Amino acid sequence: MSNLFQVIISFLLIFPIAIFIVVYFVSRKLNKKTTKAFGHAADVTTMVLFFAVPIAVQSLFKVEIVGFLVGMALIISVFLTFLEWKSQKEIELIPLIRKIWRFLFLVLSVTYFIVWCLGFVFKVIEFVN
């Protein structure tokens, strides 16, 4: 049983898009709103991407980036908070956290896609040689 659980967790870390799709369709069935469903799926997938990106980079380049990733997330959070503070008279915490979280989703998704593409190219080159 624990082996099956390990396989499921490994699959979800390797393919976070699967989590995105499942959460999107479940949320869409429950809410009937496409935009809210996309937001819920992005929120859940962001947490998974925080684990998946360092694992993918570690397996491909043998470099540990967890500290760098946390540092970049904090810098992005501070920067977005500063922009919010400059544009608004009063900062509303929940919408700010949502903006930061969604921006991190975009950054982590693009990073994960680039790492996958690089891994694919490296494996093709390795296969050809």
Protein backbone atom coordinates (compact mmCIF):
# COMPACT_ATOMS: atom_id res chain seq x y z
CA MET A 1 0.00 0.00 0.00
CA SER A 2 2.79 2.42 0.87
CA ASN A 3 4.47 1.56 -2.45
CA LEU A 4 1.30 2.57 -4.33
CA PHE A 5 1.15 5.81 -2.35
CA GLN A 6 4.79 6.50 -3.22
CA VAL A 7 4.11 5.89 -6.92
CA ILE A 8 1.13 8.26 -6.90
CA ILE A 9 3.10 11.04 -5.14
CA SER A 10 6.03 10.56 -7.53
CA PHE A 11 3.74 10.76 -10.55
CA LEU A 12 2.12 13.95 -9.29
CA LEU A 13 5.51 15.56 -8.63
CA ILE A 14 6.73 14.65 -12.09
CA PHE A 15 3.50 15.76 -13.80
CA PRO A 16 1.98 18.69 -11.86
CA ILE A 17 -0.16 19.40 -14.91
CA ALA A 18 -2.18 16.33 -13.92
CA ILE A 19 -3.04 17.97 -10.59
CA PHE A 20 -3.93 21.18 -12.40
CA ILE A 21 -6.29 19.38 -14.76
CA VAL A 22 -7.99 17.33 -12.04
CA VAL A 23 -8.48 20.30 -9.71
CA TYR A 24 -9.69 22.45 -12.61
CA PHE A 25 -12.39 19.99 -13.67
CA VAL A 26 -13.50 19.22 -10.11
CA SER A 27 -13.69 22.92 -9.26
CA ARG A 28 -15.49 23.66 -12.51
CA LYS A 29 -18.12 21.02 -11.70
CA LEU A 30 -18.58 22.42 -8.19
CA ASN A 31 -18.51 26.16 -8.98
CA LYS A 32 -19.74 26.35 -12.59
CA LYS A 33 -17.33 29.28 -13.14
CA THR A 34 -14.34 28.78 -15.39
CA THR A 35 -12.28 31.66 -13.99
CA LYS A 36 -12.65 30.54 -10.39
CA ALA A 37 -11.87 26.96 -11.40
CA PHE A 38 -8.66 28.09 -13.11
CA GLY A 39 -7.68 30.08 -10.02
CA HIS A 40 -8.28 27.14 -7.68
CA ALA A 41 -6.27 24.85 -9.94
CA ALA A 42 -3.43 27.37 -10.10
CA ASP A 43 -3.42 27.74 -6.31
CA VAL A 44 -3.17 24.00 -5.68
CA THR A 45 -0.63 23.45 -8.44
CA THR A 46 1.64 26.21 -7.10
CA MET A 47 2.22 24.26 -3.91
CA VAL A 48 3.14 21.16 -5.91
CA LEU A 49 5.43 23.18 -8.17
CA PHE A 50 7.37 24.40 -5.13
CA PHE A 51 8.41 20.76 -4.66
CA ALA A 52 8.54 19.67 -8.32
CA VAL A 53 10.86 22.38 -9.66
CA PRO A 54 13.73 21.69 -7.20
CA ILE A 55 13.36 17.94 -7.75
CA ALA A 56 13.50 18.36 -11.53
CA VAL A 57 16.52 20.66 -11.37
CA GLN A 58 18.26 18.34 -8.89
CA SER A 59 17.73 15.29 -11.06
CA LEU A 60 18.82 17.05 -14.25
CA PHE A 61 21.70 19.31 -13.17
CA LYS A 62 22.65 17.86 -9.75
CA VAL A 63 22.22 21.33 -8.22
CA GLU A 64 20.28 22.09 -5.05
CA ILE A 65 18.02 25.14 -5.58
CA VAL A 66 15.58 24.98 -2.68
CA GLY A 67 17.21 27.90 -0.88
CA PHE A 68 17.41 29.91 -4.08
CA LEU A 69 13.75 29.19 -4.84
CA VAL A 70 12.60 30.28 -1.39
CA GLY A 71 14.77 33.39 -1.62
CA MET A 72 13.37 34.31 -5.03
CA ALA A 73 9.81 33.77 -3.77
CA LEU A 74 10.50 36.13 -0.87
CA ILE A 75 12.08 38.75 -3.15
CA ILE A 76 9.11 38.53 -5.54
CA SER A 77 6.73 38.86 -2.58
CA VAL A 78 8.51 41.94 -1.28
CA PHE A 79 8.60 43.51 -4.74
CA LEU A 80 4.90 42.88 -5.39
CA THR A 81 4.02 44.16 -1.91
CA PHE A 82 6.00 47.33 -2.61
CA LEU A 83 4.19 47.83 -5.92
CA GLU A 84 0.84 47.28 -4.21
CA TRP A 85 1.78 49.76 -1.48
CA LYS A 86 2.73 52.40 -4.07
CA SER A 87 -0.47 51.96 -6.09
CA GLN A 88 -3.00 51.58 -3.25
CA LYS A 89 -3.60 53.71 -0.19
CA GLU A 90 -4.34 50.70 1.95
CA ILE A 91 -3.02 47.20 1.33
CA GLU A 92 -5.60 44.43 1.50
CA LEU A 93 -3.79 41.31 2.64
CA ILE A 94 -5.84 38.51 1.05
CA PRO A 95 -5.89 39.96 -2.49
CA LEU A 96 -2.17 40.72 -2.20
CA ILE A 97 -1.35 37.16 -1.15
CA ARG A 98 -3.50 35.86 -4.01
CA LYS A 99 -1.61 38.06 -6.51
CA ILE A 100 1.74 36.89 -5.18
CA TRP A 101 0.67 33.24 -5.23
CA ARG A 102 -0.65 33.47 -8.80
CA PHE A 103 2.50 35.25 -9.98
CA LEU A 104 4.59 32.49 -8.38
CA PHE A 105 2.42 29.99 -10.26
CA LEU A 106 3.39 31.65 -13.53
CA VAL A 107 7.08 31.82 -12.65
CA LEU A 108 7.24 28.22 -11.41
CA SER A 109 5.24 26.90 -14.38
CA VAL A 110 7.54 28.58 -16.88
CA THR A 111 10.60 27.36 -14.95
CA TYR A 112 9.25 23.82 -14.85
CA PHE A 113 8.51 23.90 -18.59
CA ILE A 114 12.05 25.15 -19.36
CA VAL A 115 13.63 22.47 -17.16
CA TRP A 116 11.56 19.79 -18.90
CA CYS A 117 12.56 21.08 -22.34
CA LEU A 118 16.23 21.18 -21.36
CA GLY A 119 15.97 17.67 -19.96
CA PHE A 120 14.39 16.47 -23.19
CA VAL A 121 17.12 18.09 -25.29
CA PHE A 122 19.86 16.65 -23.07
CA LYS A 123 18.38 13.14 -23.30
CA VAL A 124 18.08 13.38 -27.10
CA ILE A 125 21.71 14.53 -27.35
CA GLU A 126 22.75 11.74 -25.00
CA PHE A 127 20.82 9.20 -27.10
CA VAL A 128 22.37 10.41 -30.37
CA ASN A 129 25.94 10.31 -29.02
